[in-house]
């Protein structure tokens, strides 16, 4: 997502260039691109074989949006499915802890956007140059 967001061209960035820049296989990138498109985070500029751009501004894309394009947020099954554990309807301290952890994790991801991450990585990368 950073690679796509960082692209300044109105034609977007090609999948082969993302693959090369990020040193990941095109096959694996197919999976990533598909999930991001399905979630509505990126889009093709033109037809098939064209470049990719963000579907909305980077400051409107949260890390929660990106994370949930690939994974559901399920820390432990008992907090999402009460039938999973008979203790989930009781006062289970472990269940209460995991509910709090889940809430804080979601808030952390929702509280950070792609623009913030891009700025932080630019600052960090400047230190390496």
Protein backbone atom coordinates (compact mmCIF):
# COMPACT_ATOMS: atom_id res chain seq x y z
CA UNK A 1 0.00 0.00 0.00
CA UNK A 2 2.88 2.35 0.74
CA UNK A 3 4.38 1.57 -2.66
CA UNK A 4 1.09 2.40 -4.39
CA UNK A 5 0.46 5.49 -2.27
CA UNK A 6 3.99 6.73 -2.89
CA UNK A 7 3.60 6.57 -6.69
CA UNK A 8 3.23 10.08 -8.11
CA UNK A 9 2.26 9.04 -11.63
CA UNK A 10 -1.35 9.57 -12.69
CA UNK A 11 -0.98 6.25 -14.51
CA UNK A 12 -0.33 4.42 -11.23
CA UNK A 13 2.27 1.78 -10.58
CA UNK A 14 2.45 -1.52 -12.43
CA UNK A 15 2.25 -4.79 -10.58
CA UNK A 16 5.60 -5.92 -11.98
CA UNK A 17 7.22 -2.77 -10.57
CA UNK A 18 5.68 -3.33 -7.14
CA UNK A 19 6.93 -6.92 -7.25
CA UNK A 20 10.44 -5.82 -8.16
CA UNK A 21 10.58 -2.90 -5.69
CA UNK A 22 9.25 -4.93 -2.77
CA UNK A 23 11.11 -8.11 -3.76
CA UNK A 24 8.00 -10.31 -3.64
CA UNK A 25 6.82 -12.75 -6.27
CA UNK A 26 4.20 -11.70 -8.80
CA UNK A 27 2.14 -14.75 -7.80
CA UNK A 28 2.04 -13.68 -4.14
CA UNK A 29 1.38 -10.10 -5.19
CA UNK A 30 -1.64 -11.32 -7.19
CA UNK A 31 -3.19 -12.43 -3.90
CA UNK A 32 -2.37 -9.10 -2.22
CA UNK A 33 -3.68 -6.99 -5.12
CA UNK A 34 -6.87 -9.05 -5.32
CA UNK A 35 -7.60 -8.62 -1.61
CA UNK A 36 -6.92 -4.88 -1.70
CA UNK A 37 -9.13 -4.41 -4.77
CA UNK A 38 -11.93 -6.48 -3.23
CA UNK A 39 -11.81 -4.31 -0.08
CA UNK A 40 -11.98 -1.18 -2.27
CA UNK A 41 -8.60 0.17 -1.21
CA UNK A 42 -6.95 0.25 -4.65
CA UNK A 43 -8.12 0.36 -8.25
CA UNK A 44 -6.73 0.07 -11.76
CA UNK A 45 -6.19 3.34 -13.57
CA UNK A 46 -7.21 1.82 -16.88
CA UNK A 47 -8.08 -1.66 -18.00
CA UNK A 48 -6.26 -4.92 -17.53
CA UNK A 49 -2.50 -4.51 -17.31
CA UNK A 50 -2.68 -0.88 -16.19
CA UNK A 51 -1.21 0.66 -13.07
CA UNK A 52 -2.70 0.74 -9.57
CA UNK A 53 -3.62 3.77 -7.49
CA UNK A 54 -5.32 4.22 -4.14
CA UNK A 55 -9.11 4.19 -4.36
CA UNK A 56 -9.28 7.05 -1.84
CA UNK A 57 -6.78 9.44 -0.22
CA UNK A 58 -4.12 7.87 2.02
CA UNK A 59 -5.36 9.79 5.06
CA UNK A 60 -8.75 8.08 4.64
CA UNK A 61 -7.32 4.55 4.62
CA UNK A 62 -6.74 3.19 8.11
CA UNK A 63 -4.44 0.38 9.07
CA UNK A 64 -7.63 -1.43 10.14
CA UNK A 65 -8.87 -1.23 6.54
CA UNK A 66 -5.64 -2.76 5.28
CA UNK A 67 -5.41 -5.43 7.98
CA UNK A 68 -9.00 -6.59 7.49
CA UNK A 69 -8.46 -6.90 3.74
CA UNK A 70 -6.44 -10.01 4.62
CA UNK A 71 -7.51 -11.15 8.06
CA UNK A 72 -10.50 -10.93 10.32
CA UNK A 73 -9.64 -9.65 13.74
CA UNK A 74 -10.03 -12.69 15.90
CA UNK A 75 -7.66 -12.75 18.82
CA UNK A 76 -9.35 -15.76 20.42
CA UNK A 77 -12.48 -17.51 19.25
CA UNK A 78 -14.40 -17.26 22.54
CA UNK A 79 -14.88 -13.49 22.18
CA UNK A 80 -16.53 -13.74 18.79
CA UNK A 81 -18.47 -16.97 19.28
CA UNK A 82 -20.04 -17.49 22.71
CA UNK A 83 -21.00 -21.05 21.80
CA UNK A 84 -17.30 -21.88 21.44
CA UNK A 85 -16.74 -21.95 25.20
CA UNK A 86 -19.25 -22.67 27.92
CA UNK A 87 -17.43 -20.21 30.20
CA UNK A 88 -17.99 -17.23 27.88
CA UNK A 89 -21.41 -16.57 29.44
CA UNK A 90 -19.90 -16.68 32.94
CA UNK A 91 -17.59 -14.12 34.47
CA UNK A 92 -14.45 -15.47 32.84
CA UNK A 93 -11.42 -13.30 33.56
CA UNK A 94 -9.54 -14.60 30.54
CA UNK A 95 -12.51 -13.76 28.31
CA UNK A 96 -12.69 -10.25 29.80
CA UNK A 97 -8.95 -9.75 29.17
CA UNK A 98 -9.21 -10.89 25.54
CA UNK A 99 -12.21 -8.61 24.93
CA UNK A 100 -10.20 -5.65 26.24
CA UNK A 101 -7.16 -6.66 24.19
CA UNK A 102 -9.32 -7.00 21.06
CA UNK A 103 -10.87 -3.56 21.63
CA UNK A 104 -7.47 -1.90 22.09
CA UNK A 105 -6.01 -3.67 19.04
CA UNK A 106 -8.89 -2.51 16.82
CA UNK A 107 -8.61 1.04 18.19
CA UNK A 108 -4.86 1.08 17.52
CA UNK A 109 -5.32 -0.02 13.90
CA UNK A 110 -8.27 2.33 13.33
CA UNK A 111 -6.33 5.24 14.82
CA UNK A 112 -3.50 5.10 12.28
CA UNK A 113 -3.86 5.91 8.61
CA UNK A 114 -1.72 5.22 5.58
CA UNK A 115 -0.60 8.86 5.30
CA UNK A 116 0.80 8.75 8.85
CA UNK A 117 2.63 5.50 8.14
CA UNK A 118 4.09 6.95 4.93
CA UNK A 119 5.38 10.02 6.78
CA UNK A 120 6.95 7.88 9.50
CA UNK A 121 8.66 5.59 6.99
CA UNK A 122 10.03 8.59 5.08
CA UNK A 123 11.51 9.94 8.31
CA UNK A 124 12.94 6.54 9.28
CA UNK A 125 14.37 5.93 5.80
CA UNK A 126 16.00 9.37 5.78
CA UNK A 127 18.00 8.25 8.80
CA UNK A 128 19.45 5.36 6.78
CA UNK A 129 20.58 7.50 3.84
